[in-house]
């Protein structure tokens, strides 16, 4: 996963190396959304530290 964004009540996920959205989910359907985003952010940081490649996670309303 290269990016996760929350926009307009939807959670969008992009796969690494792709420009099209891989998954789009209603934010209300994601259990514990804030916890899930925190986990994604921590995993993203670990991935960047291990591989040296950049990925992004962002939250937008």
Protein backbone atom coordinates (compact mmCIF):
# COMPACT_ATOMS: atom_id res chain seq x y z
CA UNK A 1 0.00 0.00 0.00
CA UNK A 2 1.39 3.38 -0.91
CA UNK A 3 -1.30 5.75 0.34
CA UNK A 4 -4.41 5.82 2.51
CA UNK A 5 -6.67 8.87 2.55
CA UNK A 6 -10.00 9.77 4.12
CA UNK A 7 -11.98 12.21 2.01
CA UNK A 8 -15.66 13.02 1.96
CA UNK A 9 -16.59 10.14 4.25
CA UNK A 10 -14.68 7.57 2.18
CA UNK A 11 -11.43 5.73 2.86
CA UNK A 12 -9.27 5.33 -0.25
CA UNK A 13 -6.33 2.92 -0.52
CA UNK A 14 -3.71 2.94 -3.28
CA UNK A 15 -1.36 0.05 -4.03
CA UNK A 16 2.33 0.73 -4.40
CA UNK A 17 3.24 1.43 -8.01
CA UNK A 18 -0.35 2.15 -9.09
CA UNK A 19 -2.12 5.47 -9.67
CA UNK A 20 -5.72 4.18 -9.53
CA UNK A 21 -7.52 3.64 -6.24
CA UNK A 22 -7.27 -0.01 -5.19
CA UNK A 23 -10.03 0.06 -2.54
CA UNK A 24 -12.69 2.62 -1.63
CA UNK A 25 -14.72 2.03 1.52
CA UNK A 26 -17.28 4.06 3.42
CA UNK A 27 -15.49 5.41 6.47
CA UNK A 28 -18.40 4.31 8.67
CA UNK A 29 -17.87 0.69 7.60
CA UNK A 30 -14.24 0.61 8.80
CA UNK A 31 -14.17 -0.67 12.40
CA UNK A 32 -12.27 1.69 14.71
CA UNK A 33 -11.28 3.99 11.86
CA UNK A 34 -8.88 6.13 13.89
CA UNK A 35 -7.15 3.05 15.32
CA UNK A 36 -6.95 1.54 11.82
CA UNK A 37 -5.37 4.71 10.43
CA UNK A 38 -2.87 4.82 13.30
CA UNK A 39 -1.87 1.21 12.59
CA UNK A 40 -1.49 1.97 8.87
CA UNK A 41 0.66 4.99 9.69
CA UNK A 42 2.90 2.97 12.01
CA UNK A 43 3.26 0.17 9.45
CA UNK A 44 4.03 2.75 6.77
CA UNK A 45 6.78 4.28 8.92
CA UNK A 46 8.26 0.83 9.61
CA UNK A 47 8.19 0.06 5.88
CA UNK A 48 9.94 3.33 5.05
CA UNK A 49 12.58 2.66 7.71
CA UNK A 50 13.23 -0.87 6.47
CA UNK A 51 13.12 -0.31 2.71
CA UNK A 52 14.12 3.32 2.33
CA UNK A 53 11.15 3.84 -0.02
CA UNK A 54 8.60 6.55 0.58
CA UNK A 55 4.91 5.85 1.15
CA UNK A 56 2.13 8.15 2.35
CA UNK A 57 -0.85 8.02 4.66
CA UNK A 58 -3.06 11.04 5.10
CA UNK A 59 -6.39 11.96 6.62
CA UNK A 60 -8.50 14.64 4.99
CA UNK A 61 -12.11 15.65 5.55
